[in-house]
Protein backbone atom coordinates (compact mmCIF):
# COMPACT_ATOMS: atom_id res chain seq x y z
CA MET A 1 93.74 118.17 103.16
CA GLY A 2 90.07 118.38 102.31
CA ALA A 3 88.32 120.83 100.04
CA GLY A 4 89.62 124.37 100.33
CA GLN A 5 92.88 123.23 101.93
CA ASP A 6 94.85 122.41 98.80
CA TYR A 7 98.05 124.30 98.08
CA VAL A 8 100.70 124.11 95.41
CA TYR A 9 103.72 125.91 96.79
CA GLY A 10 104.28 128.01 99.82
CA TYR A 11 103.03 127.81 103.32
CA SER A 12 99.70 126.89 104.84
CA GLY A 13 98.57 127.67 108.36
CA ARG A 14 100.07 124.35 109.49
CA GLU A 15 103.49 125.20 108.04
CA ARG A 16 104.83 126.83 111.26
CA GLU A 17 103.95 123.68 113.23
CA ARG A 18 105.57 121.44 110.63
CA LEU A 19 108.74 123.52 110.48
CA ALA A 20 109.00 123.57 114.28
CA ASP A 21 108.56 119.79 114.32
CA GLN A 22 111.30 119.39 111.71
CA ALA A 23 113.62 121.67 113.68
CA ASP A 24 113.02 119.62 116.83
CA THR A 25 113.67 116.40 114.93
CA LEU A 26 116.89 117.75 113.45
CA ALA A 27 118.04 118.87 116.88
CA GLU A 28 117.35 115.38 118.23
CA LEU A 29 119.24 113.77 115.36
CA LEU A 30 122.19 116.14 115.64
CA HIS A 31 122.46 115.94 119.43
CA SER A 32 121.35 112.37 120.04
CA ASP A 33 124.78 111.33 121.28
CA THR A 34 127.84 113.25 122.30
CA SER A 35 130.48 110.76 121.16
CA LEU A 36 132.17 110.95 117.80
CA GLY A 37 131.08 108.60 115.10
CA ARG A 38 127.86 106.85 114.40
CA LYS A 39 125.97 105.28 117.26
CA PRO A 40 125.35 101.54 116.99
CA ARG A 41 122.03 100.21 115.74
CA SER A 42 119.48 99.48 118.43
CA THR A 43 118.98 95.99 119.78
CA GLU A 44 115.87 94.02 118.82
CA SER A 45 114.33 94.71 122.25
CA GLU A 46 114.86 98.46 121.84
CA VAL A 47 113.24 98.40 118.40
CA THR A 48 110.34 96.34 119.77
CA SER A 49 109.74 98.81 122.61
CA ASN A 50 109.86 101.70 120.11
CA ARG A 51 107.02 100.12 118.09
CA ALA A 52 104.59 100.71 120.95
CA ARG A 53 105.20 104.46 120.85
CA ARG A 54 105.68 104.79 117.08
CA ASP A 55 104.86 108.17 115.58
CA THR A 56 102.59 108.50 112.57
CA ALA A 57 102.55 111.13 109.84
CA GLY A 58 99.66 113.57 109.90
CA ASP A 59 101.59 115.76 107.44
CA PRO A 60 103.14 114.32 104.27
CA GLN A 61 106.43 116.10 105.01
CA ASN A 62 106.83 113.98 108.15
CA LEU A 63 107.07 110.67 106.26
CA THR A 64 110.70 111.29 105.26
CA ARG A 65 111.61 112.35 108.79
CA LEU A 66 110.06 109.17 110.15
CA LEU A 67 111.88 107.03 107.57
CA VAL A 68 115.26 108.53 108.49
CA SER A 69 114.62 108.23 112.23
CA ARG A 70 113.62 104.56 111.85
CA ALA A 71 116.46 103.59 109.52
CA ASP A 72 119.25 104.45 111.97
CA PRO A 73 118.17 101.96 114.67
CA GLY A 74 117.24 99.39 112.01
CA ASP A 75 113.48 99.54 112.63
CA ILE A 76 112.45 97.64 109.48
CA GLU A 77 108.84 97.19 110.62
CA GLY A 78 108.64 100.91 111.35
CA ILE A 79 109.82 101.69 107.82
CA VAL A 80 107.36 99.20 106.30
CA ALA A 81 104.57 100.79 108.39
CA LEU A 82 105.08 104.05 106.46
CA HIS A 83 103.78 102.34 103.29
CA GLU A 84 100.30 101.13 102.35
CA PRO A 85 100.07 97.32 102.18
CA ASP A 86 100.03 97.35 98.36
CA ALA A 87 102.52 100.21 97.91
CA VAL A 88 105.22 100.11 95.23
CA LEU A 89 108.84 101.07 95.83
CA ALA A 90 111.39 101.70 93.09
CA CYS A 91 114.49 99.75 94.17
CA GLY A 92 116.88 101.04 91.53
CA HIS A 93 118.17 99.51 88.31
CA GLY A 94 114.59 99.00 87.06
CA ARG A 95 113.55 96.80 90.01
CA VAL A 96 110.28 97.39 91.88
CA ALA A 97 109.17 96.07 95.27
CA ALA A 98 105.39 95.73 95.42
CA GLY A 99 103.62 95.05 98.70
CA THR A 100 104.62 94.80 102.33
CA ASP A 101 106.76 91.65 102.08
CA ALA A 102 108.82 92.91 99.14
CA ILE A 103 109.33 96.33 100.75
CA ARG A 104 110.41 94.62 103.99
CA ARG A 105 112.94 92.46 102.09
CA PHE A 106 114.33 95.49 100.26
CA TYR A 107 114.91 97.55 103.42
CA THR A 108 116.26 94.54 105.34
CA GLU A 109 118.90 94.02 102.65
CA LEU A 110 119.62 97.75 102.29
CA LEU A 111 120.07 98.41 106.01
CA ALA A 112 122.27 95.33 106.35
CA THR A 113 124.79 97.11 104.08
CA GLY A 114 125.12 99.93 106.63
CA ARG A 115 123.41 102.47 104.39
CA VAL A 116 122.98 105.85 106.11
CA PHE A 117 119.89 107.92 105.36
CA ASP A 118 119.82 111.72 105.21
CA LEU A 119 116.88 114.13 105.46
CA GLY A 120 118.10 116.14 102.49
CA ASP A 121 116.32 119.29 101.33
CA GLN A 122 112.57 118.65 101.35
CA ARG A 123 110.43 120.69 99.00
CA PRO A 124 106.91 121.72 100.05
CA ALA A 125 104.36 119.02 99.31
CA LEU A 126 101.94 119.32 96.41
CA ILE A 127 98.58 118.34 97.90
CA ARG A 128 95.28 117.57 96.18
CA GLY A 129 92.47 116.02 98.21
CA ASP A 130 93.78 112.89 99.92
CA LEU A 131 96.95 112.66 97.80
CA ALA A 132 100.29 114.36 98.41
CA LEU A 133 103.38 114.47 96.20
CA THR A 134 106.58 114.95 98.16
CA SER A 135 110.11 115.44 96.91
CA THR A 136 113.56 115.74 98.46
CA ARG A 137 116.93 116.68 96.99
CA LEU A 138 119.51 114.42 98.60
CA PRO A 139 123.07 115.57 99.40
CA ASN A 140 124.40 113.58 96.40
CA GLY A 141 122.13 115.61 94.07
CA THR A 142 119.53 112.95 93.32
CA VAL A 143 115.88 113.77 93.84
CA THR A 144 113.22 111.57 95.40
CA ALA A 145 109.52 111.56 94.55
CA GLU A 146 106.79 109.98 96.65
CA ILE A 147 103.02 109.89 96.61
CA ALA A 148 101.26 109.56 99.96
CA ARG A 149 97.58 108.94 100.56
CA LYS A 150 95.53 110.08 103.54
CA GLN A 151 94.15 107.11 105.48
CA SER A 152 90.76 106.89 107.22
CA ASP A 153 92.43 107.76 110.57
CA GLY A 154 93.94 110.96 109.12
CA THR A 155 97.50 109.67 108.85
CA LEU A 156 99.40 109.51 105.59
CA LEU A 157 101.17 106.51 104.08
CA TRP A 158 103.26 106.19 100.96
CA VAL A 159 101.57 104.40 98.08
CA ILE A 160 104.34 105.08 95.52
CA ASP A 161 107.94 105.63 96.60
CA GLN A 162 110.77 106.58 94.23
CA PRO A 163 113.67 107.01 96.68
CA SER A 164 116.39 107.23 93.99
CA ILE A 165 118.41 104.54 95.73
CA GLY A 166 120.71 102.63 93.40
CA VAL A 167 121.77 99.41 95.07
């Protein structure tokens, strides 16, 4: 995402890789179990073992995929890890969660309600330097907006998250 690699809309050279990754992720989500109904949330030990092999986002489009994949097993720490320590999250109804502890509390309460997350229809990211604006249209018609920042290790984390979740 450095100089000369900015794009507004369309596809970069990395787009094929990103789309293939999304297709693989969707296949995993769709075929993760063969029984009808929703699979139960993972146990604490399963979530703990998943932390050791946690994926990171090198592409801003992967942040939403990672959020959805971590929400289903109830991996709160994995969700929090997608945000910068001082990130802000719009919680709905004018409320804002600022910082790691507040974001953790919000997702702990939200996931306890049994909320199901959906990948929705992601739009191509708008990238400028180390910042990326991402947006997704959810199945209920609402639209999300997030700003991610490239970290020193090359991964991206959300710094502002407007998930359009009304709780």
